[in-house]
Protein backbone atom coordinates (compact mmCIF):
# COMPACT_ATOMS: atom_id res chain seq x y z
CA TYR A 1 0.02 -0.02 -0.01
CA ALA A 2 2.81 2.50 0.92
CA ARG A 3 4.59 1.86 -2.36
CA ARG A 4 1.42 2.61 -4.29
CA VAL A 5 0.80 5.77 -2.31
CA VAL A 6 4.35 7.01 -3.07
CA LYS A 7 4.02 6.00 -6.76
CA ASP A 8 0.64 7.79 -7.06
CA SER A 9 2.07 10.92 -5.30
CA LYS A 10 5.03 11.01 -7.78
CA GLU A 11 2.69 10.65 -10.79
CA SER A 12 0.41 13.35 -9.48
CA THR A 13 3.34 15.74 -8.86
CA THR A 14 4.72 14.97 -12.37
CA LYS A 15 1.40 15.72 -14.00
CA ALA A 16 1.01 18.99 -12.11
CA ALA A 17 4.51 20.06 -13.09
CA GLU A 18 3.83 19.19 -16.77
CA HIS A 19 0.64 21.16 -16.67
CA GLY A 20 2.37 24.15 -15.04
CA THR A 21 5.15 24.07 -17.64
CA LYS A 22 2.69 23.99 -20.53
CA MET A 23 0.62 26.79 -19.06
CA HIS A 24 3.75 28.90 -18.41
CA THR A 25 4.58 28.56 -22.09
CA GLU A 26 1.05 29.53 -23.14
CA MET A 27 1.02 32.63 -20.93
CA GLU A 28 4.38 33.68 -22.42
CA ASN A 29 2.87 33.05 -25.88
CA ILE A 30 -0.03 35.35 -25.11
CA LEU A 31 2.17 38.10 -23.66
CA LEU A 32 4.31 38.05 -26.75
CA GLY A 33 1.42 37.83 -29.20
CA ARG A 34 2.25 34.42 -30.55
CA ALA A 35 -0.05 31.61 -31.43
CA CYS A 36 -1.25 29.36 -28.61
CA SER A 37 -1.84 25.68 -28.27
CA THR A 38 -5.08 24.06 -29.42
CA ASP A 39 -4.93 21.46 -26.68
CA GLU A 40 -8.46 21.02 -25.36
CA VAL A 41 -7.25 20.61 -21.82
CA LEU A 42 -5.34 23.80 -21.79
CA LYS A 43 -7.98 25.81 -23.84
CA PRO A 44 -9.98 27.14 -20.84
CA TYR A 45 -6.85 28.20 -19.00
CA ILE A 46 -5.50 29.97 -22.15
CA GLU A 47 -8.84 31.79 -22.51
CA THR A 48 -8.82 32.96 -18.89
CA PHE A 49 -5.24 34.29 -19.11
CA LYS A 50 -5.85 35.83 -22.59
CA LYS A 51 -8.86 37.67 -21.26
CA TRP A 52 -6.91 39.02 -18.26
CA SER A 53 -3.92 39.97 -20.45
CA ASP A 54 -6.14 41.81 -23.01
CA ALA A 55 -7.75 43.85 -20.16
CA ASN A 56 -4.56 44.54 -18.21
CA VAL A 57 -1.35 44.42 -20.23
CA GLU A 58 -0.57 47.57 -22.17
CA LYS A 59 2.83 46.38 -23.41
CA THR A 60 5.25 43.51 -22.99
CA TYR A 61 8.80 44.53 -22.89
CA TRP A 62 10.23 40.98 -22.63
CA CYS A 63 9.59 37.51 -21.33
CA GLU A 64 11.91 34.87 -19.82
CA LYS A 65 14.97 36.98 -19.41
CA GLY A 66 18.02 35.95 -17.43
CA LEU A 67 18.86 38.55 -14.84
CA VAL A 68 22.04 38.86 -12.75
CA GLY A 69 22.12 40.48 -9.34
CA ALA A 70 24.80 40.98 -6.75
CA GLY A 71 25.63 37.33 -6.03
CA TYR A 72 22.62 35.77 -7.73
CA ALA A 73 20.99 35.07 -11.08
CA GLY A 74 17.62 33.85 -12.26
CA ARG A 75 15.15 33.70 -15.09
CA CYS A 76 12.42 36.27 -14.70
CA ASP A 77 8.97 35.59 -16.29
CA ALA A 78 8.14 39.00 -17.72
CA TYR A 79 8.50 42.74 -17.60
CA VAL A 80 5.35 44.45 -18.73
CA LYS A 81 3.38 47.70 -18.55
CA LEU A 82 0.09 47.13 -16.66
CA LYS A 83 -2.94 49.41 -16.80
CA GLY A 84 -3.25 51.40 -13.63
CA ILE A 85 0.07 50.15 -12.25
CA GLY A 86 2.74 50.96 -14.88
CA ASP A 87 5.92 49.07 -15.41
CA ALA A 88 5.92 45.76 -13.59
CA ILE A 89 8.04 42.66 -13.01
CA ILE A 90 5.55 39.76 -13.07
CA ASP A 91 5.85 36.25 -11.80
CA LEU A 92 3.51 33.82 -13.49
CA LYS A 93 2.35 30.87 -11.36
CA ASN A 94 -0.07 27.99 -12.10
CA ARG A 95 -0.77 26.46 -8.72
CA LYS A 96 -3.58 24.68 -6.91
CA VAL A 97 -5.66 27.25 -5.08
CA ASN A 98 -7.95 26.61 -2.09
CA SER A 99 -9.16 29.96 -0.67
CA LYS A 100 -10.59 28.21 2.48
CA TYR A 101 -7.10 27.36 3.75
CA SER A 102 -4.63 29.89 2.40
CA PRO A 103 -4.19 32.78 0.22
CA PHE A 104 -3.38 32.22 -3.40
CA TYR A 105 0.06 33.71 -3.13
CA GLU A 106 3.04 32.41 -1.15
CA HIS A 107 5.17 34.72 0.96
CA SER A 108 8.18 33.20 -0.86
CA ASP A 109 6.95 34.89 -3.95
CA ALA A 110 7.96 38.34 -2.75
CA PRO A 111 11.79 37.70 -2.30
CA GLN A 112 11.97 36.23 -5.77
CA LEU A 113 10.24 39.23 -7.30
CA TRP A 114 12.40 41.62 -5.21
CA ALA A 115 15.57 39.98 -6.59
CA TYR A 116 14.36 40.23 -10.15
CA LYS A 117 13.25 43.80 -9.79
CA ASN A 118 16.64 44.80 -8.35
CA ALA A 119 18.56 42.93 -11.04
CA SER A 120 16.37 44.46 -13.83
CA GLU A 121 16.80 47.64 -15.87
CA ASN A 122 14.01 49.26 -13.80
CA PRO A 123 14.50 48.80 -10.07
CA GLN A 124 11.43 51.06 -9.49
CA ALA A 125 9.04 48.67 -11.26
CA ALA A 126 6.10 47.25 -9.47
CA CYS A 127 6.17 43.56 -8.49
CA VAL A 128 3.12 41.52 -9.24
CA SER A 129 2.34 37.85 -8.64
CA ILE A 130 -0.14 36.40 -11.17
CA VAL A 131 -1.71 33.10 -10.22
CA LEU A 132 -3.84 31.03 -12.58
CA ALA A 133 -5.47 28.30 -10.44
CA SER A 134 -4.53 24.88 -11.82
CA ASN A 135 -7.66 23.42 -10.16
CA ASP A 136 -10.02 25.98 -11.55
CA SER A 137 -9.37 27.32 -15.10
CA SER A 138 -11.64 30.37 -14.55
CA LYS A 139 -9.80 31.64 -11.46
CA LEU A 140 -6.92 34.13 -12.04
CA MET A 141 -5.73 36.29 -9.20
CA THR A 142 -3.11 39.04 -8.88
CA ARG A 143 -1.19 40.43 -5.97
CA VAL A 144 0.67 43.70 -6.22
CA TRP A 145 3.38 43.66 -3.55
CA GLU A 146 3.66 46.82 -1.40
CA ASP A 147 7.03 48.60 -1.13
CA ASP A 148 7.37 47.72 2.58
CA GLU A 149 6.67 44.04 1.82
CA LEU A 150 9.37 44.08 -0.83
CA TYR A 151 11.76 45.90 1.48
CA GLN A 152 11.33 43.09 4.08
CA ALA A 153 11.48 40.41 1.33
CA GLY A 154 14.80 41.97 0.21
CA ILE A 155 16.21 41.77 3.71
CA ALA A 156 15.15 38.06 3.91
CA PHE A 157 16.53 37.22 0.43
CA ASN A 158 19.91 38.80 1.25
CA ALA A 159 20.06 36.97 4.65
CA LEU A 160 19.27 33.58 2.94
CA LEU A 161 21.82 34.29 0.12
CA LYS A 162 24.49 34.93 2.80
CA VAL A 163 23.58 31.70 4.60
CA TRP A 164 23.66 29.74 1.32
CA SER A 165 27.09 31.23 0.51
CA TRP A 166 28.41 30.42 3.90
CA VAL A 167 27.10 26.79 3.86
CA LYS A 168 28.56 26.18 0.37
CA GLY A 169 31.82 27.96 1.12
CA TYR A 170 31.32 30.11 -1.93
CA THR A 171 31.02 33.78 -2.32
CA PRO A 172 29.46 34.58 -5.74
CA PRO A 173 31.00 37.55 -7.69
CA GLY A 174 29.38 40.85 -6.65
CA MET A 175 28.31 39.56 -3.26
CA LYS A 176 29.77 40.60 0.05
CA LEU A 177 29.48 38.35 3.14
């Protein structure tokens, strides 16, 4: 029984990851004005994101860009101009959402966005989490992170980066311990 539970869990996780990867690609296609998949399973998710994008995105500057900060690097989802917000670094997520138990965003989203924003060409850009619920294709939620939340996230990010560097015995170029 235990082996079957572990096997089922791995299969479920793999399916969720595959779905998330496919949807991430489709969200990028929409932001860049490219053709989208005709996959019937993805179609309702694509429609929801397209509707949101059409109503909120004025311009896409870039998608999936590698950014290098002081001692770190990563691949940022997108830099866009949003109606009513302005220039924004956005993080696209496709995760299971259950509003009864927790918010749709994770507090770990803010440090990632802070790091991308500070490594980007516009460190004054807003930071926005965009979550398309993997368990409800009609549910898309956004979270604009406040400056104070991002400041705190930056402190946490830098502290964790220093701990990582110390544990690994490696100080990346541009970083001070």
